[in-house]
């Protein structure tokens, strides 16, 4: 593991905890793939910063427990937008 990978893992961990970010949000923020973020947070971070990893692990578990709720809200939002666009406009 190179020094930059260790630094990136710590930066991702700090960002995720500070912003309560999902893996997808962190990947978008840093411009890297979700799989890279996940690997950094679950495999590299425990070796580099064990205390930070404990916080990240709690966040990842929380996100996993809540993901079905976010998915439902996204679907609801999608159909609300669709309904607004389908309504005829009043003269």
N, C-alpha and C. Protein backbone atom coordinates (compact mmCIF):
# COMPACT_ATOMS: atom_id res chain seq x y z
N UNK A 1 0.85 -1.17 0.00
CA UNK A 1 0.00 0.00 0.00
C UNK A 1 0.90 1.24 0.00
N UNK A 2 0.66 2.12 -0.94
CA UNK A 2 1.49 3.31 -1.05
C UNK A 2 1.04 4.38 -0.07
N UNK A 3 1.88 5.35 0.14
CA UNK A 3 1.57 6.45 1.07
C UNK A 3 0.34 7.22 0.61
N UNK A 4 0.20 7.41 -0.68
CA UNK A 4 -0.96 8.16 -1.18
C UNK A 4 -2.25 7.40 -0.95
N UNK A 5 -2.23 6.08 -1.04
CA UNK A 5 -3.42 5.28 -0.75
C UNK A 5 -3.81 5.42 0.72
N UNK A 6 -2.83 5.43 1.60
CA UNK A 6 -3.09 5.61 3.02
C UNK A 6 -3.68 6.99 3.29
N UNK A 7 -3.09 8.00 2.68
CA UNK A 7 -3.59 9.37 2.86
C UNK A 7 -5.00 9.51 2.32
N UNK A 8 -5.25 8.91 1.15
CA UNK A 8 -6.58 8.98 0.55
C UNK A 8 -7.60 8.28 1.44
N UNK A 9 -7.24 7.15 2.02
CA UNK A 9 -8.15 6.42 2.91
C UNK A 9 -8.52 7.27 4.11
N UNK A 10 -7.53 7.95 4.68
CA UNK A 10 -7.80 8.80 5.84
C UNK A 10 -8.66 10.00 5.44
N UNK A 11 -8.35 10.61 4.30
CA UNK A 11 -9.15 11.75 3.82
C UNK A 11 -10.60 11.33 3.58
N UNK A 12 -10.79 10.18 2.97
CA UNK A 12 -12.15 9.69 2.73
C UNK A 12 -12.88 9.41 4.04
N UNK A 13 -12.19 8.80 4.98
CA UNK A 13 -12.79 8.51 6.27
C UNK A 13 -13.20 9.77 7.01
N UNK A 14 -12.31 10.75 7.03
CA UNK A 14 -12.62 12.01 7.70
C UNK A 14 -13.79 12.71 7.02
N UNK A 15 -13.80 12.71 5.69
CA UNK A 15 -14.89 13.35 4.95
C UNK A 15 -16.23 12.65 5.24
N UNK A 16 -16.21 11.33 5.20
CA UNK A 16 -17.43 10.56 5.41
C UNK A 16 -18.00 10.82 6.80
N UNK A 17 -17.16 10.79 7.82
CA UNK A 17 -17.63 11.00 9.18
C UNK A 17 -18.10 12.43 9.38
N UNK A 18 -17.34 13.39 8.89
CA UNK A 18 -17.67 14.81 9.06
C UNK A 18 -19.00 15.16 8.39
N UNK A 19 -19.24 14.60 7.19
CA UNK A 19 -20.43 14.95 6.42
C UNK A 19 -21.53 13.88 6.46
N UNK A 20 -21.29 12.81 7.22
CA UNK A 20 -22.22 11.68 7.26
C UNK A 20 -22.55 11.24 5.83
N UNK A 21 -21.52 11.12 5.03
CA UNK A 21 -21.66 10.85 3.60
C UNK A 21 -21.78 9.36 3.33
N UNK A 22 -22.49 9.05 2.26
CA UNK A 22 -22.55 7.68 1.76
C UNK A 22 -21.30 7.43 0.91
N UNK A 23 -21.07 6.17 0.59
CA UNK A 23 -19.95 5.82 -0.28
C UNK A 23 -20.11 6.53 -1.62
N UNK A 24 -21.33 6.54 -2.13
CA UNK A 24 -21.59 7.18 -3.42
C UNK A 24 -21.30 8.67 -3.37
N UNK A 25 -21.72 9.33 -2.29
CA UNK A 25 -21.49 10.78 -2.15
C UNK A 25 -20.00 11.08 -2.04
N UNK A 26 -19.27 10.27 -1.29
CA UNK A 26 -17.83 10.47 -1.15
C UNK A 26 -17.13 10.26 -2.49
N UNK A 27 -17.55 9.25 -3.23
CA UNK A 27 -16.95 8.98 -4.53
C UNK A 27 -17.16 10.16 -5.47
N UNK A 28 -18.36 10.70 -5.46
CA UNK A 28 -18.65 11.83 -6.33
C UNK A 28 -17.83 13.05 -5.92
N UNK A 29 -17.73 13.29 -4.62
CA UNK A 29 -16.98 14.45 -4.12
C UNK A 29 -15.51 14.38 -4.52
N UNK A 30 -14.91 13.21 -4.41
CA UNK A 30 -13.48 13.06 -4.70
C UNK A 30 -13.20 12.67 -6.15
N UNK A 31 -14.24 12.39 -6.92
CA UNK A 31 -14.05 12.05 -8.33
C UNK A 31 -13.40 10.69 -8.55
N UNK A 32 -13.72 9.73 -7.69
CA UNK A 32 -13.19 8.38 -7.82
C UNK A 32 -14.36 7.39 -7.80
N UNK A 33 -14.08 6.14 -8.08
CA UNK A 33 -15.16 5.15 -8.15
C UNK A 33 -15.64 4.74 -6.76
N UNK A 34 -16.88 4.25 -6.73
CA UNK A 34 -17.45 3.78 -5.46
C UNK A 34 -16.66 2.60 -4.92
N UNK A 35 -16.19 1.74 -5.82
CA UNK A 35 -15.45 0.57 -5.36
C UNK A 35 -14.12 0.97 -4.72
N UNK A 36 -13.49 2.02 -5.23
CA UNK A 36 -12.25 2.51 -4.63
C UNK A 36 -12.53 3.07 -3.24
N UNK A 37 -13.60 3.84 -3.12
CA UNK A 37 -13.96 4.41 -1.81
C UNK A 37 -14.23 3.28 -0.83
N UNK A 38 -15.02 2.30 -1.25
CA UNK A 38 -15.36 1.20 -0.35
C UNK A 38 -14.12 0.42 0.07
N UNK A 39 -13.22 0.16 -0.86
CA UNK A 39 -11.99 -0.56 -0.54
C UNK A 39 -11.13 0.24 0.43
N UNK A 40 -11.01 1.55 0.17
CA UNK A 40 -10.22 2.40 1.07
C UNK A 40 -10.80 2.39 2.48
N UNK A 41 -12.13 2.51 2.58
CA UNK A 41 -12.76 2.61 3.89
C UNK A 41 -12.80 1.30 4.65
N UNK A 42 -12.93 0.18 3.94
CA UNK A 42 -13.08 -1.09 4.64
C UNK A 42 -11.79 -1.91 4.76
N UNK A 43 -10.84 -1.70 3.84
CA UNK A 43 -9.61 -2.51 3.88
C UNK A 43 -8.37 -1.71 4.27
N UNK A 44 -8.24 -0.51 3.73
CA UNK A 44 -7.02 0.27 3.99
C UNK A 44 -7.11 1.07 5.28
N UNK A 45 -8.25 1.65 5.55
CA UNK A 45 -8.39 2.51 6.73
C UNK A 45 -8.14 1.78 8.05
N UNK A 46 -8.61 0.53 8.24
CA UNK A 46 -8.33 -0.15 9.51
C UNK A 46 -6.84 -0.30 9.81
N UNK A 47 -6.03 -0.46 8.76
CA UNK A 47 -4.59 -0.61 8.96
C UNK A 47 -3.92 0.73 9.23
N UNK A 48 -4.51 1.80 8.68
CA UNK A 48 -3.90 3.13 8.77
C UNK A 48 -4.37 3.90 10.00
N UNK A 49 -5.68 3.93 10.22
CA UNK A 49 -6.26 4.72 11.31
C UNK A 49 -7.40 3.93 11.96
N UNK A 50 -7.07 3.01 12.86
CA UNK A 50 -8.09 2.14 13.46
C UNK A 50 -9.20 2.89 14.20
N UNK A 51 -8.87 3.97 14.87
CA UNK A 51 -9.89 4.72 15.61
C UNK A 51 -10.89 5.36 14.64
N UNK A 52 -10.39 5.93 13.58
CA UNK A 52 -11.26 6.52 12.57
C UNK A 52 -12.10 5.44 11.90
N UNK A 53 -11.52 4.28 11.69
CA UNK A 53 -12.25 3.18 11.06
C UNK A 53 -13.48 2.80 11.88
N UNK A 54 -13.38 2.82 13.19
CA UNK A 54 -14.53 2.47 14.03
C UNK A 54 -15.69 3.43 13.77
N UNK A 55 -15.39 4.70 13.62
CA UNK A 55 -16.43 5.69 13.32
C UNK A 55 -17.01 5.46 11.93
N UNK A 56 -16.14 5.18 10.98
CA UNK A 56 -16.58 4.94 9.60
C UNK A 56 -17.44 3.69 9.53
N UNK A 57 -17.05 2.66 10.24
CA UNK A 57 -17.81 1.41 10.23
C UNK A 57 -19.23 1.63 10.75
N UNK A 58 -19.36 2.43 11.82
CA UNK A 58 -20.69 2.76 12.35
C UNK A 58 -21.51 3.49 11.30
N UNK A 59 -20.88 4.43 10.61
CA UNK A 59 -21.58 5.19 9.56
C UNK A 59 -22.00 4.28 8.42
N UNK A 60 -21.11 3.39 7.98
CA UNK A 60 -21.45 2.46 6.90
C UNK A 60 -22.61 1.55 7.29
N UNK A 61 -22.62 1.10 8.53
CA UNK A 61 -23.72 0.26 9.01
C UNK A 61 -25.03 1.03 9.06
N UNK A 62 -24.97 2.28 9.50
CA UNK A 62 -26.16 3.14 9.52
C UNK A 62 -26.69 3.34 8.10
N UNK A 63 -25.79 3.65 7.17
CA UNK A 63 -26.21 3.85 5.78
C UNK A 63 -26.83 2.58 5.21
N UNK A 64 -26.30 1.45 5.58
CA UNK A 64 -26.84 0.19 5.09
C UNK A 64 -28.24 -0.05 5.64
N UNK A 65 -28.46 0.30 6.91
CA UNK A 65 -29.78 0.13 7.51
C UNK A 65 -30.81 1.09 6.90
N UNK A 66 -30.36 2.26 6.44
CA UNK A 66 -31.28 3.28 5.94
C UNK A 66 -31.42 3.29 4.42
N UNK A 67 -30.67 2.49 3.70
CA UNK A 67 -30.66 2.61 2.24
C UNK A 67 -32.01 2.33 1.61
N UNK A 68 -32.79 1.43 2.18
CA UNK A 68 -34.10 1.15 1.59
C UNK A 68 -35.03 2.36 1.72
N UNK A 69 -34.84 3.14 2.76
CA UNK A 69 -35.65 4.34 2.95
C UNK A 69 -35.28 5.39 1.90
N UNK A 70 -33.98 5.60 1.70
CA UNK A 70 -33.54 6.57 0.69
C UNK A 70 -33.99 6.16 -0.71
N UNK A 71 -33.95 4.87 -0.99
CA UNK A 71 -34.40 4.38 -2.29
C UNK A 71 -35.88 4.66 -2.50
N UNK A 72 -36.68 4.45 -1.47
CA UNK A 72 -38.11 4.72 -1.56
C UNK A 72 -38.38 6.20 -1.76
N UNK A 73 -37.64 7.05 -1.06
CA UNK A 73 -37.81 8.49 -1.21
C UNK A 73 -37.41 8.95 -2.61
N UNK A 74 -36.37 8.36 -3.16
CA UNK A 74 -35.94 8.72 -4.51
C UNK A 74 -37.01 8.34 -5.53
N UNK A 75 -37.62 7.17 -5.35
CA UNK A 75 -38.67 6.74 -6.26
C UNK A 75 -39.89 7.65 -6.13
N UNK A 76 -40.25 7.99 -4.90
CA UNK A 76 -41.37 8.91 -4.67
C UNK A 76 -41.12 10.24 -5.37
N UNK A 77 -39.93 10.76 -5.21
CA UNK A 77 -39.57 12.04 -5.83
C UNK A 77 -39.66 11.95 -7.35
N UNK A 78 -39.19 10.85 -7.91
CA UNK A 78 -39.23 10.65 -9.36
C UNK A 78 -40.66 10.71 -9.87
N UNK A 79 -41.58 10.03 -9.19
CA UNK A 79 -42.96 10.02 -9.65
C UNK A 79 -43.69 11.33 -9.38
N UNK A 80 -43.29 12.05 -8.33
CA UNK A 80 -43.87 13.37 -8.10
C UNK A 80 -43.49 14.32 -9.24
N UNK A 81 -42.25 14.27 -9.66
CA UNK A 81 -41.82 15.10 -10.79
C UNK A 81 -42.56 14.71 -12.06
N UNK A 82 -42.74 13.42 -12.25
CA UNK A 82 -43.44 12.94 -13.44
C UNK A 82 -44.88 13.44 -13.45
N UNK A 83 -45.54 13.41 -12.30
CA UNK A 83 -46.92 13.89 -12.22
C UNK A 83 -47.01 15.38 -12.51
N UNK A 84 -46.06 16.16 -12.01
CA UNK A 84 -46.07 17.60 -12.24
C UNK A 84 -45.93 17.91 -13.73
N UNK A 85 -45.11 17.17 -14.42
CA UNK A 85 -44.89 17.40 -15.84
C UNK A 85 -46.07 16.94 -16.69
N UNK A 86 -46.87 16.00 -16.20
CA UNK A 86 -48.01 15.48 -16.96
C UNK A 86 -49.27 16.31 -16.80
N UNK A 87 -49.35 17.15 -15.76
CA UNK A 87 -50.56 17.93 -15.52
C UNK A 87 -50.73 18.98 -16.62
N UNK A 88 -51.97 19.13 -17.13
CA UNK A 88 -52.19 20.17 -18.13
C UNK A 88 -52.08 21.55 -17.49
N UNK A 89 -51.59 22.48 -18.23
CA UNK A 89 -51.43 23.83 -17.71
C UNK A 89 -52.74 24.59 -17.83
N UNK A 90 -52.98 25.40 -16.83
CA UNK A 90 -54.20 26.21 -16.84
C UNK A 90 -54.00 27.44 -17.70
N UNK A 91 -55.04 27.86 -18.45
CA UNK A 91 -54.90 29.03 -19.33
C UNK A 91 -54.79 30.34 -18.59
